[in-house]
Amino acid sequence: PLCPPEGDAGTGMVATNSVRKRTGNVS
């Protein structure tokens, strides 16, 4: 099975645990 393909912005958010509101990340 494959999950939905994503952009590097999305994987950056996941890799830094910044998908909650009021959080952010810099890639």
mmCIF file of all heavy atoms, coordinates in Angstrom:
data_MODEL
# 
_entry.id   MODEL 
# 
loop_
_atom_site.group_PDB 
_atom_site.id 
_atom_site.type_symbol 
_atom_site.label_atom_id 
_atom_site.label_alt_id 
_atom_site.label_comp_id 
_atom_site.label_asym_id 
_atom_site.label_entity_id 
_atom_site.label_seq_id 
_atom_site.pdbx_PDB_ins_code 
_atom_site.Cartn_x 
_atom_site.Cartn_y 
_atom_site.Cartn_z 
_atom_site.occupancy 
_atom_site.B_iso_or_equiv 
_atom_site.pdbx_formal_charge 
_atom_site.auth_seq_id 
_atom_site.auth_comp_id 
_atom_site.auth_asym_id 
_atom_site.auth_atom_id 
_atom_site.pdbx_PDB_model_num 
ATOM 1   N N   . PRO A 1 1  ? 0.826  -1.222 0.000  1.00 0.00 ? 1  PRO A N   1 
ATOM 2   C CA  . PRO A 1 1  ? 0.000  0.000  0.000  1.00 0.00 ? 1  PRO A CA  1 
ATOM 3   C C   . PRO A 1 1  ? 0.854  1.263  0.000  1.00 0.00 ? 1  PRO A C   1 
ATOM 4   O O   . PRO A 1 1  ? 1.915  1.299  0.631  1.00 0.00 ? 1  PRO A O   1 
ATOM 5   C CB  . PRO A 1 1  ? -0.805 -0.116 1.290  1.00 0.00 ? 1  PRO A CB  1 
ATOM 6   C CG  . PRO A 1 1  ? 0.020  -0.982 2.188  1.00 0.00 ? 1  PRO A CG  1 
ATOM 7   C CD  . PRO A 1 1  ? 0.729  -1.947 1.287  1.00 0.00 ? 1  PRO A CD  1 
ATOM 8   N N   . LEU A 1 2  ? 0.382  2.283  -0.702 1.00 0.00 ? 2  LEU A N   1 
ATOM 9   C CA  . LEU A 1 2  ? 1.044  3.588  -0.716 1.00 0.00 ? 2  LEU A CA  1 
ATOM 10  C C   . LEU A 1 2  ? 0.120  4.634  -0.127 1.00 0.00 ? 2  LEU A C   1 
ATOM 11  O O   . LEU A 1 2  ? -1.084 4.654  -0.414 1.00 0.00 ? 2  LEU A O   1 
ATOM 12  C CB  . LEU A 1 2  ? 1.438  4.006  -2.138 1.00 0.00 ? 2  LEU A CB  1 
ATOM 13  C CG  . LEU A 1 2  ? 2.830  3.551  -2.604 1.00 0.00 ? 2  LEU A CG  1 
ATOM 14  C CD1 . LEU A 1 2  ? 2.793  2.087  -3.038 1.00 0.00 ? 2  LEU A CD1 1 
ATOM 15  C CD2 . LEU A 1 2  ? 3.340  4.430  -3.725 1.00 0.00 ? 2  LEU A CD2 1 
ATOM 16  N N   . CYS A 1 3  ? 0.691  5.482  0.711  1.00 0.00 ? 3  CYS A N   1 
ATOM 17  C CA  . CYS A 1 3  ? -0.050 6.621  1.246  1.00 0.00 ? 3  CYS A CA  1 
ATOM 18  C C   . CYS A 1 3  ? -0.062 7.731  0.196  1.00 0.00 ? 3  CYS A C   1 
ATOM 19  O O   . CYS A 1 3  ? 0.629  7.638  -0.826 1.00 0.00 ? 3  CYS A O   1 
ATOM 20  C CB  . CYS A 1 3  ? 0.575  7.102  2.548  1.00 0.00 ? 3  CYS A CB  1 
ATOM 21  S SG  . CYS A 1 3  ? 2.211  7.840  2.369  1.00 0.00 ? 3  CYS A SG  1 
ATOM 22  N N   . PRO A 1 4  ? -0.847 8.794  0.396  1.00 0.00 ? 4  PRO A N   1 
ATOM 23  C CA  . PRO A 1 4  ? -0.864 9.876  -0.589 1.00 0.00 ? 4  PRO A CA  1 
ATOM 24  C C   . PRO A 1 4  ? 0.516  10.509 -0.759 1.00 0.00 ? 4  PRO A C   1 
ATOM 25  O O   . PRO A 1 4  ? 1.217  10.753 0.223  1.00 0.00 ? 4  PRO A O   1 
ATOM 26  C CB  . PRO A 1 4  ? -1.859 10.878 0.015  1.00 0.00 ? 4  PRO A CB  1 
ATOM 27  C CG  . PRO A 1 4  ? -2.742 10.055 0.895  1.00 0.00 ? 4  PRO A CG  1 
ATOM 28  C CD  . PRO A 1 4  ? -1.837 9.001  1.464  1.00 0.00 ? 4  PRO A CD  1 
ATOM 29  N N   . PRO A 1 5  ? 0.932  10.777 -1.990 1.00 0.00 ? 5  PRO A N   1 
ATOM 30  C CA  . PRO A 1 5  ? 2.209  11.461 -2.215 1.00 0.00 ? 5  PRO A CA  1 
ATOM 31  C C   . PRO A 1 5  ? 2.126  12.896 -1.715 1.00 0.00 ? 5  PRO A C   1 
ATOM 32  O O   . PRO A 1 5  ? 1.084  13.542 -1.840 1.00 0.00 ? 5  PRO A O   1 
ATOM 33  C CB  . PRO A 1 5  ? 2.381  11.409 -3.736 1.00 0.00 ? 5  PRO A CB  1 
ATOM 34  C CG  . PRO A 1 5  ? 0.988  11.343 -4.272 1.00 0.00 ? 5  PRO A CG  1 
ATOM 35  C CD  . PRO A 1 5  ? 0.214  10.536 -3.268 1.00 0.00 ? 5  PRO A CD  1 
ATOM 36  N N   . GLU A 1 6  ? 3.204  13.377 -1.138 1.00 0.00 ? 6  GLU A N   1 
ATOM 37  C CA  . GLU A 1 6  ? 3.189  14.715 -0.555 1.00 0.00 ? 6  GLU A CA  1 
ATOM 38  C C   . GLU A 1 6  ? 4.342  15.577 -1.069 1.00 0.00 ? 6  GLU A C   1 
ATOM 39  O O   . GLU A 1 6  ? 5.287  15.085 -1.669 1.00 0.00 ? 6  GLU A O   1 
ATOM 40  C CB  . GLU A 1 6  ? 3.247  14.633 0.976  1.00 0.00 ? 6  GLU A CB  1 
ATOM 41  C CG  . GLU A 1 6  ? 1.880  14.609 1.641  1.00 0.00 ? 6  GLU A CG  1 
ATOM 42  C CD  . GLU A 1 6  ? 1.076  15.885 1.391  1.00 0.00 ? 6  GLU A CD  1 
ATOM 43  O OE1 . GLU A 1 6  ? 1.629  16.878 0.890  1.00 0.00 ? 6  GLU A OE1 1 
ATOM 44  O OE2 . GLU A 1 6  ? -0.120 15.885 1.699  1.00 0.00 ? 6  GLU A OE2 1 
ATOM 45  N N   . GLY A 1 7  ? 4.234  16.864 -0.785 1.00 0.00 ? 7  GLY A N   1 
ATOM 46  C CA  . GLY A 1 7  ? 5.294  17.808 -1.115 1.00 0.00 ? 7  GLY A CA  1 
ATOM 47  C C   . GLY A 1 7  ? 6.292  17.910 0.012  1.00 0.00 ? 7  GLY A C   1 
ATOM 48  O O   . GLY A 1 7  ? 6.040  17.469 1.141  1.00 0.00 ? 7  GLY A O   1 
ATOM 49  N N   . ASP A 1 8  ? 7.441  18.507 -0.272 1.00 0.00 ? 8  ASP A N   1 
ATOM 50  C CA  . ASP A 1 8  ? 8.478  18.621 0.739  1.00 0.00 ? 8  ASP A CA  1 
ATOM 51  C C   . ASP A 1 8  ? 8.068  19.520 1.895  1.00 0.00 ? 8  ASP A C   1 
ATOM 52  O O   . ASP A 1 8  ? 8.568  19.371 3.009  1.00 0.00 ? 8  ASP A O   1 
ATOM 53  C CB  . ASP A 1 8  ? 9.795  19.096 0.129  1.00 0.00 ? 8  ASP A CB  1 
ATOM 54  C CG  . ASP A 1 8  ? 9.658  20.338 -0.748 1.00 0.00 ? 8  ASP A CG  1 
ATOM 55  O OD1 . ASP A 1 8  ? 8.543  20.874 -0.870 1.00 0.00 ? 8  ASP A OD1 1 
ATOM 56  O OD2 . ASP A 1 8  ? 10.668 20.763 -1.323 1.00 0.00 ? 8  ASP A OD2 1 
ATOM 57  N N   . ALA A 1 9  ? 7.135  20.422 1.665  1.00 0.00 ? 9  ALA A N   1 
ATOM 58  C CA  . ALA A 1 9  ? 6.650  21.245 2.772  1.00 0.00 ? 9  ALA A CA  1 
ATOM 59  C C   . ALA A 1 9  ? 5.910  20.389 3.793  1.00 0.00 ? 9  ALA A C   1 
ATOM 60  O O   . ALA A 1 9  ? 6.103  20.524 5.008  1.00 0.00 ? 9  ALA A O   1 
ATOM 61  C CB  . ALA A 1 9  ? 5.734  22.349 2.246  1.00 0.00 ? 9  ALA A CB  1 
ATOM 62  N N   . GLY A 1 10 ? 5.068  19.491 3.305  1.00 0.00 ? 10 GLY A N   1 
ATOM 63  C CA  . GLY A 1 10 ? 4.308  18.620 4.197  1.00 0.00 ? 10 GLY A CA  1 
ATOM 64  C C   . GLY A 1 10 ? 5.191  17.669 4.973  1.00 0.00 ? 10 GLY A C   1 
ATOM 65  O O   . GLY A 1 10 ? 4.991  17.456 6.173  1.00 0.00 ? 10 GLY A O   1 
ATOM 66  N N   . THR A 1 11 ? 6.187  17.096 4.318  1.00 0.00 ? 11 THR A N   1 
ATOM 67  C CA  . THR A 1 11 ? 7.070  16.175 5.030  1.00 0.00 ? 11 THR A CA  1 
ATOM 68  C C   . THR A 1 11 ? 7.932  16.927 6.038  1.00 0.00 ? 11 THR A C   1 
ATOM 69  O O   . THR A 1 11 ? 8.288  16.385 7.079  1.00 0.00 ? 11 THR A O   1 
ATOM 70  C CB  . THR A 1 11 ? 7.974  15.401 4.045  1.00 0.00 ? 11 THR A CB  1 
ATOM 71  O OG1 . THR A 1 11 ? 8.760  16.322 3.277  1.00 0.00 ? 11 THR A OG1 1 
ATOM 72  C CG2 . THR A 1 11 ? 7.132  14.557 3.103  1.00 0.00 ? 11 THR A CG2 1 
ATOM 73  N N   . GLY A 1 12 ? 8.234  18.184 5.730  1.00 0.00 ? 12 GLY A N   1 
ATOM 74  C CA  . GLY A 1 12 ? 8.962  19.004 6.698  1.00 0.00 ? 12 GLY A CA  1 
ATOM 75  C C   . GLY A 1 12 ? 8.147  19.246 7.956  1.00 0.00 ? 12 GLY A C   1 
ATOM 76  O O   . GLY A 1 12 ? 8.668  19.208 9.073  1.00 0.00 ? 12 GLY A O   1 
ATOM 77  N N   . MET A 1 13 ? 6.851  19.485 7.787  1.00 0.00 ? 13 MET A N   1 
ATOM 78  C CA  . MET A 1 13 ? 5.974  19.667 8.941  1.00 0.00 ? 13 MET A CA  1 
ATOM 79  C C   . MET A 1 13 ? 5.911  18.403 9.787  1.00 0.00 ? 13 MET A C   1 
ATOM 80  O O   . MET A 1 13 ? 5.936  18.452 11.019 1.00 0.00 ? 13 MET A O   1 
ATOM 81  C CB  . MET A 1 13 ? 4.568  20.074 8.476  1.00 0.00 ? 13 MET A CB  1 
ATOM 82  C CG  . MET A 1 13 ? 4.458  21.509 8.025  1.00 0.00 ? 13 MET A CG  1 
ATOM 83  S SD  . MET A 1 13 ? 2.759  22.016 7.656  1.00 0.00 ? 13 MET A SD  1 
ATOM 84  C CE  . MET A 1 13 ? 2.610  21.472 5.963  1.00 0.00 ? 13 MET A CE  1 
ATOM 85  N N   . VAL A 1 14 ? 5.815  17.259 9.127  1.00 0.00 ? 14 VAL A N   1 
ATOM 86  C CA  . VAL A 1 14 ? 5.757  15.987 9.853  1.00 0.00 ? 14 VAL A CA  1 
ATOM 87  C C   . VAL A 1 14 ? 7.079  15.712 10.559 1.00 0.00 ? 14 VAL A C   1 
ATOM 88  O O   . VAL A 1 14 ? 7.109  15.334 11.732 1.00 0.00 ? 14 VAL A O   1 
ATOM 89  C CB  . VAL A 1 14 ? 5.407  14.838 8.882  1.00 0.00 ? 14 VAL A CB  1 
ATOM 90  C CG1 . VAL A 1 14 ? 5.553  13.485 9.569  1.00 0.00 ? 14 VAL A CG1 1 
ATOM 91  C CG2 . VAL A 1 14 ? 3.984  15.007 8.355  1.00 0.00 ? 14 VAL A CG2 1 
ATOM 92  N N   . ALA A 1 15 ? 8.193  15.923 9.858  1.00 0.00 ? 15 ALA A N   1 
ATOM 93  C CA  . ALA A 1 15 ? 9.513  15.624 10.428 1.00 0.00 ? 15 ALA A CA  1 
ATOM 94  C C   . ALA A 1 15 ? 9.843  16.498 11.627 1.00 0.00 ? 15 ALA A C   1 
ATOM 95  O O   . ALA A 1 15 ? 10.693 16.139 12.445 1.00 0.00 ? 15 ALA A O   1 
ATOM 96  C CB  . ALA A 1 15 ? 10.591 15.778 9.357  1.00 0.00 ? 15 ALA A CB  1 
ATOM 97  N N   . THR A 1 16 ? 9.171  17.635 11.753 1.00 0.00 ? 16 THR A N   1 
ATOM 98  C CA  . THR A 1 16 ? 9.416  18.540 12.879 1.00 0.00 ? 16 THR A CA  1 
ATOM 99  C C   . THR A 1 16 ? 8.235  18.588 13.851 1.00 0.00 ? 16 THR A C   1 
ATOM 100 O O   . THR A 1 16 ? 8.210  19.431 14.745 1.00 0.00 ? 16 THR A O   1 
ATOM 101 C CB  . THR A 1 16 ? 9.701  19.961 12.361 1.00 0.00 ? 16 THR A CB  1 
ATOM 102 O OG1 . THR A 1 16 ? 8.633  20.386 11.508 1.00 0.00 ? 16 THR A OG1 1 
ATOM 103 C CG2 . THR A 1 16 ? 11.003 20.004 11.594 1.00 0.00 ? 16 THR A CG2 1 
ATOM 104 N N   . ASN A 1 17 ? 7.270  17.705 13.664 1.00 0.00 ? 17 ASN A N   1 
ATOM 105 C CA  . ASN A 1 17 ? 6.079  17.670 14.538 1.00 0.00 ? 17 ASN A CA  1 
ATOM 106 C C   . ASN A 1 17 ? 5.440  19.047 14.650 1.00 0.00 ? 17 ASN A C   1 
ATOM 107 O O   . ASN A 1 17 ? 5.190  19.563 15.743 1.00 0.00 ? 17 ASN A O   1 
ATOM 108 C CB  . ASN A 1 17 ? 6.445  17.147 15.930 1.00 0.00 ? 17 ASN A CB  1 
ATOM 109 C CG  . ASN A 1 17 ? 5.202  16.837 16.763 1.00 0.00 ? 17 ASN A CG  1 
ATOM 110 O OD1 . ASN A 1 17 ? 4.105  16.655 16.224 1.00 0.00 ? 17 ASN A OD1 1 
ATOM 111 N ND2 . ASN A 1 17 ? 5.350  16.789 18.084 1.00 0.00 ? 17 ASN A ND2 1 
ATOM 112 N N   . SER A 1 18 ? 5.159  19.653 13.508 1.00 0.00 ? 18 SER A N   1 
ATOM 113 C CA  . SER A 1 18 ? 4.547  20.983 13.519 1.00 0.00 ? 18 SER A CA  1 
ATOM 114 C C   . SER A 1 18 ? 3.328  21.022 12.606 1.00 0.00 ? 18 SER A C   1 
ATOM 115 O O   . SER A 1 18 ? 3.279  21.767 11.641 1.00 0.00 ? 18 SER A O   1 
ATOM 116 C CB  . SER A 1 18 ? 5.577  22.042 13.112 1.00 0.00 ? 18 SER A CB  1 
ATOM 117 O OG  . SER A 1 18 ? 6.266  21.681 11.936 1.00 0.00 ? 18 SER A OG  1 
ATOM 118 N N   . VAL A 1 19 ? 2.352  20.174 12.937 1.00 0.00 ? 19 VAL A N   1 
ATOM 119 C CA  . VAL A 1 19 ? 1.088  20.174 12.192 1.00 0.00 ? 19 VAL A CA  1 
ATOM 120 C C   . VAL A 1 19 ? -0.070 20.698 13.037 1.00 0.00 ? 19 VAL A C   1 
ATOM 121 O O   . VAL A 1 19 ? -1.180 20.856 12.532 1.00 0.00 ? 19 VAL A O   1 
ATOM 122 C CB  . VAL A 1 19 ? 0.749  18.767 11.630 1.00 0.00 ? 19 VAL A CB  1 
ATOM 123 C CG1 . VAL A 1 19 ? 1.818  18.305 10.661 1.00 0.00 ? 19 VAL A CG1 1 
ATOM 124 C CG2 . VAL A 1 19 ? 0.558  17.756 12.739 1.00 0.00 ? 19 VAL A CG2 1 
ATOM 125 N N   . ARG A 1 20 ? 0.178  20.966 14.317 1.00 0.00 ? 20 ARG A N   1 
ATOM 126 C CA  . ARG A 1 20 ? -0.866 21.569 15.158 1.00 0.00 ? 20 ARG A CA  1 
ATOM 127 C C   . ARG A 1 20 ? -0.927 23.071 14.919 1.00 0.00 ? 20 ARG A C   1 
ATOM 128 O O   . ARG A 1 20 ? 0.054  23.699 14.523 1.00 0.00 ? 20 ARG A O   1 
ATOM 129 C CB  . ARG A 1 20 ? -0.588 21.313 16.635 1.00 0.00 ? 20 ARG A CB  1 
ATOM 130 C CG  . ARG A 1 20 ? -0.873 19.917 17.100 1.00 0.00 ? 20 ARG A CG  1 
ATOM 131 C CD  . ARG A 1 20 ? -0.967 19.832 18.606 1.00 0.00 ? 20 ARG A CD  1 
ATOM 132 N NE  . ARG A 1 20 ? -1.107 18.463 19.044 1.00 0.00 ? 20 ARG A NE  1 
ATOM 133 C CZ  . ARG A 1 20 ? -2.257 17.797 19.107 1.00 0.00 ? 20 ARG A CZ  1 
ATOM 134 N NH1 . ARG A 1 20 ? -3.382 18.415 18.751 1.00 0.00 ? 20 ARG A NH1 1 
ATOM 135 N NH2 . ARG A 1 20 ? -2.291 16.537 19.525 1.00 0.00 ? 20 ARG A NH2 1 
ATOM 136 N N   . LYS A 1 21 ? -2.074 23.653 15.196 1.00 0.00 ? 21 LYS A N   1 
ATOM 137 C CA  . LYS A 1 21 ? -2.256 25.094 15.072 1.00 0.00 ? 21 LYS A CA  1 
ATOM 138 C C   . LYS A 1 21 ? -1.320 25.820 16.041 1.00 0.00 ? 21 LYS A C   1 
ATOM 139 O O   . LYS A 1 21 ? -1.014 25.327 17.113 1.00 0.00 ? 21 LYS A O   1 
ATOM 140 C CB  . LYS A 1 21 ? -3.710 25.482 15.339 1.00 0.00 ? 21 LYS A CB  1 
ATOM 141 C CG  . LYS A 1 21 ? -4.680 24.917 14.298 1.00 0.00 ? 21 LYS A CG  1 
ATOM 142 C CD  . LYS A 1 21 ? -6.108 25.374 14.557 1.00 0.00 ? 21 LYS A CD  1 
ATOM 143 C CE  . LYS A 1 21 ? -7.090 24.668 13.637 1.00 0.00 ? 21 LYS A CE  1 
ATOM 144 N NZ  . LYS A 1 21 ? -6.860 24.928 12.217 1.00 0.00 ? 21 LYS A NZ  1 
ATOM 145 N N   . ARG A 1 22 ? -0.830 27.003 15.597 1.00 0.00 ? 22 ARG A N   1 
ATOM 146 C CA  . ARG A 1 22 ? 0.094  27.862 16.346 1.00 0.00 ? 22 ARG A CA  1 
ATOM 147 C C   . ARG A 1 22 ? 1.520  27.312 16.376 1.00 0.00 ? 22 ARG A C   1 
ATOM 148 O O   . ARG A 1 22 ? 2.374  27.811 17.097 1.00 0.00 ? 22 ARG A O   1 
ATOM 149 C CB  . ARG A 1 22 ? -0.392 28.121 17.780 1.00 0.00 ? 22 ARG A CB  1 
ATOM 150 C CG  . ARG A 1 22 ? -1.670 28.928 17.844 1.00 0.00 ? 22 ARG A CG  1 
ATOM 151 C CD  . ARG A 1 22 ? -2.193 29.001 19.280 1.00 0.00 ? 22 ARG A CD  1 
ATOM 152 N NE  . ARG A 1 22 ? -1.266 29.691 20.158 1.00 0.00 ? 22 ARG A NE  1 
ATOM 153 C CZ  . ARG A 1 22 ? -1.419 30.945 20.597 1.00 0.00 ? 22 ARG A CZ  1 
ATOM 154 N NH1 . ARG A 1 22 ? -2.472 31.656 20.218 1.00 0.00 ? 22 ARG A NH1 1 
ATOM 155 N NH2 . ARG A 1 22 ? -0.541 31.485 21.417 1.00 0.00 ? 22 ARG A NH2 1 
ATOM 156 N N   . THR A 1 23 ? 1.782  26.248 15.598 1.00 0.00 ? 23 THR A N   1 
ATOM 157 C CA  . THR A 1 23 ? 3.159  25.771 15.463 1.00 0.00 ? 23 THR A CA  1 
ATOM 158 C C   . THR A 1 23 ? 3.640  26.075 14.046 1.00 0.00 ? 23 THR A C   1 
ATOM 159 O O   . THR A 1 23 ? 2.855  26.379 13.155 1.00 0.00 ? 23 THR A O   1 
ATOM 160 C CB  . THR A 1 23 ? 3.273  24.260 15.727 1.00 0.00 ? 23 THR A CB  1 
ATOM 161 O OG1 . THR A 1 23 ? 2.548  23.540 14.715 1.00 0.00 ? 23 THR A OG1 1 
ATOM 162 C CG2 . THR A 1 23 ? 2.737  23.907 17.091 1.00 0.00 ? 23 THR A CG2 1 
ATOM 163 N N   . GLY A 1 24 ? 4.934  25.996 13.868 1.00 0.00 ? 24 GLY A N   1 
ATOM 164 C CA  . GLY A 1 24 ? 5.491  26.250 12.548 1.00 0.00 ? 24 GLY A CA  1 
ATOM 165 C C   . GLY A 1 24 ? 6.836  25.593 12.396 1.00 0.00 ? 24 GLY A C   1 
ATOM 166 O O   . GLY A 1 24 ? 7.430  25.100 13.364 1.00 0.00 ? 24 GLY A O   1 
ATOM 167 N N   . ASN A 1 25 ? 7.309  25.550 11.158 1.00 0.00 ? 25 ASN A N   1 
ATOM 168 C CA  . ASN A 1 25 ? 8.633  25.004 10.918 1.00 0.00 ? 25 ASN A CA  1 
ATOM 169 C C   . ASN A 1 25 ? 9.326  25.778 9.822  1.00 0.00 ? 25 ASN A C   1 
ATOM 170 O O   . ASN A 1 25 ? 8.691  26.433 8.992  1.00 0.00 ? 25 ASN A O   1 
ATOM 171 C CB  . ASN A 1 25 ? 8.565  23.514 10.583 1.00 0.00 ? 25 ASN A CB  1 
ATOM 172 C CG  . ASN A 1 25 ? 8.190  23.251 9.140  1.00 0.00 ? 25 ASN A CG  1 
ATOM 173 O OD1 . ASN A 1 25 ? 9.042  23.109 8.269  1.00 0.00 ? 25 ASN A OD1 1 
ATOM 174 N ND2 . ASN A 1 25 ? 6.892  23.201 8.862  1.00 0.00 ? 25 ASN A ND2 1 
ATOM 175 N N   . VAL A 1 26 ? 10.634 25.723 9.847  1.00 0.00 ? 26 VAL A N   1 
ATOM 176 C CA  . VAL A 1 26 ? 11.462 26.316 8.799  1.00 0.00 ? 26 VAL A CA  1 
ATOM 177 C C   . VAL A 1 26 ? 12.274 25.198 8.173  1.00 0.00 ? 26 VAL A C   1 
ATOM 178 O O   . VAL A 1 26 ? 12.947 24.446 8.885  1.00 0.00 ? 26 VAL A O   1 
ATOM 179 C CB  . VAL A 1 26 ? 12.408 27.395 9.363  1.00 0.00 ? 26 VAL A CB  1 
ATOM 180 C CG1 . VAL A 1 26 ? 13.372 27.873 8.291  1.00 0.00 ? 26 VAL A CG1 1 
ATOM 181 C CG2 . VAL A 1 26 ? 11.608 28.564 9.897  1.00 0.00 ? 26 VAL A CG2 1 
ATOM 182 N N   . SER A 1 27 ? 12.194 25.094 6.853  1.00 0.00 ? 27 SER A N   1 
ATOM 183 C CA  . SER A 1 27 ? 12.924 24.070 6.121  1.00 0.00 ? 27 SER A CA  1 
ATOM 184 C C   . SER A 1 27 ? 13.962 24.765 5.243  1.00 0.00 ? 27 SER A C   1 
ATOM 185 O O   . SER A 1 27 ? 13.628 25.639 4.444  1.00 0.00 ? 27 SER A O   1 
ATOM 186 C CB  . SER A 1 27 ? 11.979 23.242 5.252  1.00 0.00 ? 27 SER A CB  1 
ATOM 187 O OG  . SER A 1 27 ? 12.675 22.264 4.523  1.00 0.00 ? 27 SER A OG  1 
# 
